[in-house]
Amino acid sequence: MENYLTREGLEKLKKELETLKGAQRQEIAERLEKCLAFGDLTENAEYHETKEEQAFVEGRILELEELIRNATVVSEKKDNKMYAQVGSTVLVSSGSKKEEFKIVGVEEADPVAGKISINSPLGQAFFNQPKGTIVEVQTPKGIAQYKILKIE
């Protein structure tokens, strides 16, 4: 599976990685140092919690490095308005309701902000479709129809 990212999404991941490798690691190291100063660690809950957090942070660092290394950065060309692609903003209508979605990679998806994953049912339905197409998407409430009004 391709790991698509917009330029904005890639920068966001790089910033998160920088924060984790810098400030977050430093904060954890300082907390561990304090815990070690107390001596016996067998019953030191704060030490064990901090070690768990450290493991989580190190895991996320590895995950981000892998995502960044293998990312396919999509071009958000303004002249590609023929077909919905990763990076496209799609204006659709469903009945009398109009909605706007931006098709993004999995890591950037944020449905509340209107960013849908290319792997989501909506993302897959819109992908490579031209303006004017009516797509059907299976939802928990049944089949929903969307007409693509505009692609940017």
N, C-alpha and C. Protein backbone atom coordinates (compact mmCIF):
# COMPACT_ATOMS: atom_id res chain seq x y z
N MET A 1 0.85 -1.19 0.00
CA MET A 1 0.00 0.00 0.00
C MET A 1 0.89 1.25 0.00
N GLU A 2 0.58 2.15 -0.89
CA GLU A 2 1.34 3.40 -0.98
C GLU A 2 1.08 4.25 0.26
N ASN A 3 2.11 4.98 0.66
CA ASN A 3 2.01 5.90 1.78
C ASN A 3 2.00 7.32 1.20
N TYR A 4 0.82 7.77 0.77
CA TYR A 4 0.68 9.09 0.17
C TYR A 4 0.64 10.16 1.25
N LEU A 5 1.34 11.25 1.00
CA LEU A 5 1.30 12.42 1.88
C LEU A 5 1.32 13.67 1.02
N THR A 6 0.62 14.69 1.48
CA THR A 6 0.76 16.00 0.86
C THR A 6 2.03 16.62 1.44
N ARG A 7 2.51 17.68 0.83
CA ARG A 7 3.69 18.37 1.35
C ARG A 7 3.42 18.84 2.78
N GLU A 8 2.22 19.36 3.01
CA GLU A 8 1.82 19.83 4.35
C GLU A 8 1.84 18.68 5.36
N GLY A 9 1.34 17.52 4.96
CA GLY A 9 1.33 16.36 5.84
C GLY A 9 2.72 15.87 6.18
N LEU A 10 3.61 15.88 5.18
CA LEU A 10 5.00 15.47 5.41
C LEU A 10 5.67 16.41 6.41
N GLU A 11 5.45 17.70 6.24
CA GLU A 11 6.05 18.68 7.16
C GLU A 11 5.52 18.50 8.58
N LYS A 12 4.25 18.17 8.71
CA LYS A 12 3.65 17.95 10.03
C LYS A 12 4.31 16.74 10.71
N LEU A 13 4.53 15.67 9.95
CA LEU A 13 5.18 14.48 10.51
C LEU A 13 6.62 14.78 10.90
N LYS A 14 7.32 15.55 10.07
CA LYS A 14 8.71 15.91 10.38
C LYS A 14 8.78 16.74 11.66
N LYS A 15 7.81 17.64 11.83
CA LYS A 15 7.78 18.47 13.03
C LYS A 15 7.52 17.61 14.28
N GLU A 16 6.59 16.67 14.16
CA GLU A 16 6.31 15.77 15.28
C GLU A 16 7.56 14.96 15.63
N LEU A 17 8.26 14.47 14.61
CA LEU A 17 9.48 13.69 14.83
C LEU A 17 10.53 14.53 15.54
N GLU A 18 10.68 15.76 15.11
CA GLU A 18 11.66 16.67 15.72
C GLU A 18 11.33 16.90 17.20
N THR A 19 10.05 17.09 17.50
CA THR A 19 9.61 17.30 18.89
C THR A 19 9.89 16.07 19.74
N LEU A 20 9.56 14.91 19.20
CA LEU A 20 9.79 13.67 19.95
C LEU A 20 11.27 13.43 20.21
N LYS A 21 12.09 13.66 19.19
CA LYS A 21 13.53 13.41 19.33
C LYS A 21 14.21 14.44 20.22
N GLY A 22 13.65 15.63 20.28
CA GLY A 22 14.26 16.70 21.06
C GLY A 22 13.64 16.84 22.44
N ALA A 23 12.63 17.69 22.53
CA ALA A 23 12.02 18.05 23.81
C ALA A 23 11.44 16.85 24.56
N GLN A 24 10.75 15.97 23.85
CA GLN A 24 10.10 14.84 24.52
C GLN A 24 11.13 13.88 25.12
N ARG A 25 12.15 13.54 24.34
CA ARG A 25 13.20 12.65 24.86
C ARG A 25 13.91 13.29 26.06
N GLN A 26 14.17 14.58 25.96
CA GLN A 26 14.86 15.29 27.04
C GLN A 26 14.03 15.27 28.32
N GLU A 27 12.74 15.53 28.18
CA GLU A 27 11.85 15.54 29.34
C GLU A 27 11.81 14.16 30.01
N ILE A 28 11.72 13.12 29.21
CA ILE A 28 11.68 11.76 29.75
C ILE A 28 13.00 11.43 30.45
N ALA A 29 14.11 11.80 29.85
CA ALA A 29 15.43 11.54 30.46
C ALA A 29 15.54 12.23 31.82
N GLU A 30 15.04 13.47 31.91
CA GLU A 30 15.09 14.20 33.18
C GLU A 30 14.22 13.53 34.24
N ARG A 31 13.04 13.07 33.83
CA ARG A 31 12.15 12.40 34.79
C ARG A 31 12.75 11.08 35.26
N LEU A 32 13.39 10.35 34.35
CA LEU A 32 14.04 9.09 34.73
C LEU A 32 15.19 9.34 35.71
N GLU A 33 15.92 10.42 35.46
CA GLU A 33 17.04 10.78 36.34
C GLU A 33 16.53 11.06 37.76
N LYS A 34 15.41 11.78 37.87
CA LYS A 34 14.81 12.06 39.18
C LYS A 34 14.41 10.76 39.87
N CYS A 35 13.80 9.87 39.10
CA CYS A 35 13.36 8.59 39.68
C CYS A 35 14.55 7.78 40.18
N LEU A 36 15.62 7.78 39.42
CA LEU A 36 16.81 7.02 39.82
C LEU A 36 17.41 7.57 41.11
N ALA A 37 17.24 8.85 41.35
CA ALA A 37 17.77 9.48 42.56
C ALA A 37 17.07 8.97 43.81
N PHE A 38 15.86 8.44 43.66
CA PHE A 38 15.12 7.92 44.81
C PHE A 38 15.62 6.54 45.24
N GLY A 39 16.46 5.93 44.44
CA GLY A 39 17.02 4.63 44.83
C GLY A 39 16.21 3.46 44.32
N ASP A 40 15.63 2.69 45.22
CA ASP A 40 14.90 1.46 44.88
C ASP A 40 13.82 1.72 43.84
N LEU A 41 13.92 1.04 42.69
CA LEU A 41 12.98 1.27 41.59
C LEU A 41 11.87 0.23 41.54
N THR A 42 11.95 -0.81 42.34
CA THR A 42 10.98 -1.90 42.25
C THR A 42 9.55 -1.45 42.55
N GLU A 43 9.39 -0.50 43.45
CA GLU A 43 8.04 -0.03 43.78
C GLU A 43 7.86 1.44 43.42
N ASN A 44 8.62 1.91 42.47
CA ASN A 44 8.55 3.31 42.05
C ASN A 44 7.63 3.41 40.82
N ALA A 45 6.36 3.72 41.07
CA ALA A 45 5.36 3.77 39.99
C ALA A 45 5.72 4.81 38.94
N GLU A 46 6.23 5.96 39.36
CA GLU A 46 6.58 7.01 38.41
C GLU A 46 7.67 6.54 37.45
N TYR A 47 8.62 5.80 37.97
CA TYR A 47 9.70 5.26 37.13
C TYR A 47 9.12 4.33 36.06
N HIS A 48 8.25 3.42 36.48
CA HIS A 48 7.67 2.46 35.54
C HIS A 48 6.78 3.15 34.50
N GLU A 49 6.03 4.15 34.91
CA GLU A 49 5.20 4.92 33.97
C GLU A 49 6.08 5.66 32.97
N THR A 50 7.16 6.24 33.45
CA THR A 50 8.07 6.98 32.58
C THR A 50 8.75 6.04 31.59
N LYS A 51 9.12 4.85 32.03
CA LYS A 51 9.72 3.86 31.13
C LYS A 51 8.72 3.43 30.05
N GLU A 52 7.45 3.28 30.42
CA GLU A 52 6.42 2.95 29.43
C GLU A 52 6.26 4.08 28.42
N GLU A 53 6.26 5.31 28.92
CA GLU A 53 6.15 6.47 28.02
C GLU A 53 7.36 6.53 27.09
N GLN A 54 8.54 6.24 27.63
CA GLN A 54 9.75 6.24 26.82
C GLN A 54 9.64 5.20 25.70
N ALA A 55 9.14 4.02 26.02
CA ALA A 55 8.97 2.97 25.01
C ALA A 55 7.99 3.41 23.93
N PHE A 56 6.90 4.07 24.35
CA PHE A 56 5.91 4.56 23.39
C PHE A 56 6.54 5.60 22.46
N VAL A 57 7.26 6.56 23.04
CA VAL A 57 7.90 7.63 22.26
C VAL A 57 8.91 7.05 21.28
N GLU A 58 9.73 6.12 21.74
CA GLU A 58 10.73 5.51 20.85
C GLU A 58 10.05 4.74 19.72
N GLY A 59 8.94 4.08 20.03
CA GLY A 59 8.18 3.38 18.99
C GLY A 59 7.61 4.34 17.97
N ARG A 60 7.09 5.46 18.45
CA ARG A 60 6.52 6.46 17.54
C ARG A 60 7.62 7.07 16.67
N ILE A 61 8.79 7.29 17.24
CA ILE A 61 9.92 7.82 16.47
C ILE A 61 10.25 6.87 15.32
N LEU A 62 10.34 5.58 15.62
CA LEU A 62 10.63 4.60 14.57
C LEU A 62 9.54 4.59 13.50
N GLU A 63 8.28 4.68 13.94
CA GLU A 63 7.15 4.70 13.01
C GLU A 63 7.22 5.93 12.10
N LEU A 64 7.48 7.09 12.69
CA LEU A 64 7.56 8.32 11.90
C LEU A 64 8.72 8.29 10.92
N GLU A 65 9.87 7.79 11.37
CA GLU A 65 11.02 7.70 10.47
C GLU A 65 10.70 6.82 9.27
N GLU A 66 10.02 5.73 9.51
CA GLU A 66 9.62 4.81 8.44
C GLU A 66 8.63 5.49 7.49
N LEU A 67 7.62 6.16 8.05
CA LEU A 67 6.63 6.86 7.23
C LEU A 67 7.28 7.92 6.36
N ILE A 68 8.16 8.70 6.94
CA ILE A 68 8.83 9.78 6.20
C ILE A 68 9.73 9.20 5.12
N ARG A 69 10.47 8.17 5.46
CA ARG A 69 11.40 7.55 4.51
C ARG A 69 10.66 6.97 3.30
N ASN A 70 9.49 6.39 3.52
CA ASN A 70 8.75 5.71 2.45
C ASN A 70 7.59 6.52 1.89
N ALA A 71 7.50 7.78 2.24
CA ALA A 71 6.38 8.61 1.79
C ALA A 71 6.46 8.90 0.29
N THR A 72 5.30 8.89 -0.33
CA THR A 72 5.16 9.35 -1.70
C THR A 72 4.45 10.70 -1.59
N VAL A 73 5.22 11.77 -1.81
CA VAL A 73 4.66 13.12 -1.67
C VAL A 73 3.91 13.45 -2.96
N VAL A 74 2.64 13.76 -2.81
CA VAL A 74 1.82 14.04 -3.98
C VAL A 74 1.89 15.52 -4.32
N SER A 75 1.85 15.77 -5.59
CA SER A 75 1.86 17.14 -6.09
C SER A 75 0.45 17.69 -5.99
N GLU A 76 0.33 18.87 -5.43
CA GLU A 76 -0.99 19.50 -5.34
C GLU A 76 -1.10 20.57 -6.42
N LYS A 77 -0.90 20.12 -7.67
CA LYS A 77 -0.94 21.05 -8.80
C LYS A 77 -2.34 21.64 -8.93
N LYS A 78 -2.37 22.92 -9.16
CA LYS A 78 -3.66 23.59 -9.32
C LYS A 78 -4.29 23.29 -10.68
N ASP A 79 -3.47 22.82 -11.64
CA ASP A 79 -4.00 22.55 -12.98
C ASP A 79 -4.60 21.14 -13.11
N ASN A 80 -4.47 20.32 -12.08
CA ASN A 80 -5.03 18.97 -12.13
C ASN A 80 -6.44 18.97 -11.55
N LYS A 81 -7.38 19.48 -12.33
CA LYS A 81 -8.76 19.57 -11.87
C LYS A 81 -9.68 18.61 -12.61
N MET A 82 -9.09 17.74 -13.43
CA MET A 82 -9.89 16.82 -14.23
C MET A 82 -10.41 15.64 -13.40
N TYR A 83 -9.53 15.07 -12.58
CA TYR A 83 -9.86 13.87 -11.81
C TYR A 83 -9.46 14.07 -10.36
N ALA A 84 -10.26 13.52 -9.46
CA ALA A 84 -9.96 13.60 -8.03
C ALA A 84 -8.75 12.72 -7.72
N GLN A 85 -7.75 13.31 -7.08
CA GLN A 85 -6.51 12.61 -6.74
C GLN A 85 -6.19 12.87 -5.26
N VAL A 86 -5.15 12.21 -4.76
CA VAL A 86 -4.67 12.53 -3.42
C VAL A 86 -4.18 13.97 -3.49
N GLY A 87 -4.64 14.80 -2.58
CA GLY A 87 -4.30 16.22 -2.58
C GLY A 87 -5.41 17.08 -3.16
N SER A 88 -6.38 16.47 -3.85
CA SER A 88 -7.50 17.21 -4.43
C SER A 88 -8.51 17.59 -3.36
N THR A 89 -9.13 18.74 -3.55
CA THR A 89 -10.28 19.13 -2.75
C THR A 89 -11.50 18.94 -3.64
N VAL A 90 -12.47 18.19 -3.15
CA VAL A 90 -13.63 17.80 -3.94
C VAL A 90 -14.89 18.38 -3.31
N LEU A 91 -15.65 19.14 -4.10
CA LEU A 91 -16.94 19.65 -3.65
C LEU A 91 -18.00 18.70 -4.19
N VAL A 92 -18.83 18.18 -3.29
CA VAL A 92 -19.85 17.21 -3.69
C VAL A 92 -21.21 17.62 -3.14
N SER A 93 -22.25 17.06 -3.75
CA SER A 93 -23.59 17.25 -3.21
C SER A 93 -24.20 15.89 -2.96
N SER A 94 -24.97 15.84 -1.90
CA SER A 94 -25.72 14.64 -1.55
C SER A 94 -27.11 15.12 -1.18
N GLY A 95 -28.04 14.95 -2.10
CA GLY A 95 -29.36 15.54 -1.91
C GLY A 95 -29.23 17.05 -2.03
N SER A 96 -29.73 17.79 -1.05
CA SER A 96 -29.62 19.25 -1.07
C SER A 96 -28.40 19.74 -0.29
N LYS A 97 -27.65 18.82 0.26
CA LYS A 97 -26.50 19.16 1.10
C LYS A 97 -25.21 19.16 0.28
N LYS A 98 -24.39 20.20 0.45
CA LYS A 98 -23.08 20.27 -0.21
C LYS A 98 -21.99 20.11 0.85
N GLU A 99 -20.96 19.36 0.48
CA GLU A 99 -19.83 19.14 1.38
C GLU A 99 -18.54 19.22 0.60
N GLU A 100 -17.46 19.58 1.30
CA GLU A 100 -16.15 19.66 0.68
C GLU A 100 -15.21 18.73 1.43
N PHE A 101 -14.47 17.94 0.67
CA PHE A 101 -13.51 17.00 1.25
C PHE A 101 -12.17 17.17 0.58
N LYS A 102 -11.10 16.99 1.35
CA LYS A 102 -9.76 16.95 0.78
C LYS A 102 -9.30 15.50 0.90
N ILE A 103 -8.87 14.92 -0.22
CA ILE A 103 -8.40 13.54 -0.23
C ILE A 103 -6.93 13.55 0.16
N VAL A 104 -6.61 12.82 1.22
CA VAL A 104 -5.24 12.81 1.75
C VAL A 104 -4.80 11.36 2.02
N GLY A 105 -3.54 11.21 2.39
CA GLY A 105 -3.04 9.90 2.79
C GLY A 105 -3.57 9.52 4.16
N VAL A 106 -3.37 8.27 4.52
CA VAL A 106 -3.89 7.73 5.78
C VAL A 106 -3.44 8.53 6.99
N GLU A 107 -2.17 8.91 7.04
CA GLU A 107 -1.61 9.61 8.20
C GLU A 107 -2.18 11.02 8.38
N GLU A 108 -2.72 11.60 7.32
CA GLU A 108 -3.23 12.97 7.40
C GLU A 108 -4.73 13.04 7.63
N ALA A 109 -5.41 11.92 7.55
CA ALA A 109 -6.87 11.92 7.63
C ALA A 109 -7.36 12.57 8.92
N ASP A 110 -8.35 13.43 8.76
CA ASP A 110 -8.99 14.12 9.89
C ASP A 110 -10.41 14.47 9.45
N PRO A 111 -11.34 13.52 9.58
CA PRO A 111 -12.69 13.73 9.08
C PRO A 111 -13.36 15.00 9.61
N VAL A 112 -13.07 15.37 10.84
CA VAL A 112 -13.67 16.58 11.42
C VAL A 112 -13.25 17.82 10.63
N ALA A 113 -12.02 17.80 10.11
CA ALA A 113 -11.50 18.92 9.32
C ALA A 113 -11.78 18.74 7.83
N GLY A 114 -12.54 17.71 7.46
CA GLY A 114 -12.86 17.48 6.05
C GLY A 114 -11.76 16.80 5.26
N LYS A 115 -10.79 16.22 5.95
CA LYS A 115 -9.69 15.50 5.28
C LYS A 115 -9.98 14.00 5.36
N ILE A 116 -10.25 13.40 4.19
CA ILE A 116 -10.58 11.98 4.16
C ILE A 116 -9.43 11.18 3.55
N SER A 117 -9.21 10.01 4.10
CA SER A 117 -8.15 9.13 3.63
C SER A 117 -8.48 8.56 2.26
N ILE A 118 -7.46 8.40 1.45
CA ILE A 118 -7.61 7.74 0.16
C ILE A 118 -8.13 6.31 0.36
N ASN A 119 -7.88 5.72 1.51
CA ASN A 119 -8.32 4.34 1.79
C ASN A 119 -9.72 4.25 2.38
N SER A 120 -10.33 5.40 2.69
CA SER A 120 -11.68 5.38 3.25
C SER A 120 -12.68 5.08 2.13
N PRO A 121 -13.88 4.64 2.49
CA PRO A 121 -14.89 4.39 1.45
C PRO A 121 -15.15 5.62 0.56
N LEU A 122 -15.24 6.81 1.18
CA LEU A 122 -15.45 8.02 0.38
C LEU A 122 -14.23 8.33 -0.50
N GLY A 123 -13.05 8.23 0.09
CA GLY A 123 -11.82 8.50 -0.67
C GLY A 123 -11.70 7.59 -1.87
N GLN A 124 -11.98 6.31 -1.67
CA GLN A 124 -11.91 5.35 -2.77
C GLN A 124 -12.97 5.64 -3.83
N ALA A 125 -14.15 6.05 -3.40
CA ALA A 125 -15.23 6.34 -4.35
C ALA A 125 -14.90 7.56 -5.21
N PHE A 126 -14.28 8.59 -4.61
CA PHE A 126 -13.97 9.81 -5.36
C PHE A 126 -12.72 9.69 -6.21
N PHE A 127 -11.78 8.84 -5.80
CA PHE A 127 -10.47 8.75 -6.44
C PHE A 127 -10.60 8.44 -7.93
N ASN A 128 -9.90 9.25 -8.73
CA ASN A 128 -9.83 9.13 -10.19
C ASN A 128 -11.16 9.38 -10.90
N GLN A 129 -12.11 9.98 -10.21
CA GLN A 129 -13.40 10.28 -10.82
C GLN A 129 -13.41 11.73 -11.31
N PRO A 130 -14.01 11.98 -12.48
CA PRO A 130 -14.09 13.35 -12.99
C PRO A 130 -15.29 14.10 -12.41
N LYS A 131 -15.26 15.40 -12.60
CA LYS A 131 -16.38 16.27 -12.21
C LYS A 131 -17.64 15.77 -12.91
N GLY A 132 -18.76 15.81 -12.20
CA GLY A 132 -20.04 15.38 -12.77
C GLY A 132 -20.40 13.94 -12.47
N THR A 133 -19.44 13.16 -12.01
CA THR A 133 -19.70 11.76 -11.71
C THR A 133 -20.55 11.62 -10.44
N ILE A 134 -21.45 10.67 -10.47
CA ILE A 134 -22.23 10.33 -9.28
C ILE A 134 -21.67 9.01 -8.76
N VAL A 135 -21.24 9.04 -7.50
CA VAL A 135 -20.68 7.83 -6.88
C VAL A 135 -21.60 7.36 -5.77
N GLU A 136 -21.57 6.07 -5.52
CA GLU A 136 -22.35 5.49 -4.44
C GLU A 136 -21.40 4.93 -3.40
N VAL A 137 -21.72 5.19 -2.13
CA VAL A 137 -20.87 4.74 -1.02
C VAL A 137 -21.75 4.03 0.00
N GLN A 138 -21.31 2.85 0.40
CA GLN A 138 -22.03 2.10 1.43
C GLN A 138 -21.74 2.73 2.79
N THR A 139 -22.77 3.10 3.51
CA THR A 139 -22.64 3.68 4.84
C THR A 139 -23.44 2.81 5.82
N PRO A 140 -23.26 3.03 7.12
CA PRO A 140 -24.06 2.26 8.09
C PRO A 140 -25.57 2.46 7.90
N LYS A 141 -25.97 3.60 7.34
CA LYS A 141 -27.39 3.88 7.13
C LYS A 141 -27.88 3.44 5.75
N GLY A 142 -27.01 2.82 4.98
CA GLY A 142 -27.39 2.40 3.63
C GLY A 142 -26.48 3.03 2.59
N ILE A 143 -26.91 3.01 1.35
CA ILE A 143 -26.10 3.57 0.26
C ILE A 143 -26.35 5.07 0.15
N ALA A 144 -25.26 5.82 0.10
CA ALA A 144 -25.35 7.28 -0.08
C ALA A 144 -24.81 7.62 -1.46
N GLN A 145 -25.45 8.57 -2.12
CA GLN A 145 -24.99 9.03 -3.43
C GLN A 145 -24.40 10.43 -3.30
N TYR A 146 -23.29 10.63 -3.99
CA TYR A 146 -22.62 11.92 -4.03
C TYR A 146 -22.35 12.29 -5.48
N LYS A 147 -22.65 13.52 -5.83
CA LYS A 147 -22.30 14.02 -7.16
C LYS A 147 -21.11 14.95 -7.01
N ILE A 148 -20.06 14.70 -7.80
CA ILE A 148 -18.86 15.54 -7.75
C ILE A 148 -19.14 16.82 -8.53
N LEU A 149 -19.17 17.94 -7.83
CA LEU A 149 -19.47 19.23 -8.45
C LEU A 149 -18.22 19.97 -8.92
N LYS A 150 -17.14 19.83 -8.16
CA LYS A 150 -15.94 20.61 -8.45
C LYS A 150 -14.72 19.89 -7.88
N ILE A 151 -13.61 19.98 -8.61
CA ILE A 151 -12.35 19.39 -8.16
C ILE A 151 -11.29 20.48 -8.20
N GLU A 152 -10.61 20.68 -7.11
CA GLU A 152 -9.53 21.67 -7.06
C GLU A 152 -8.26 21.01 -6.62
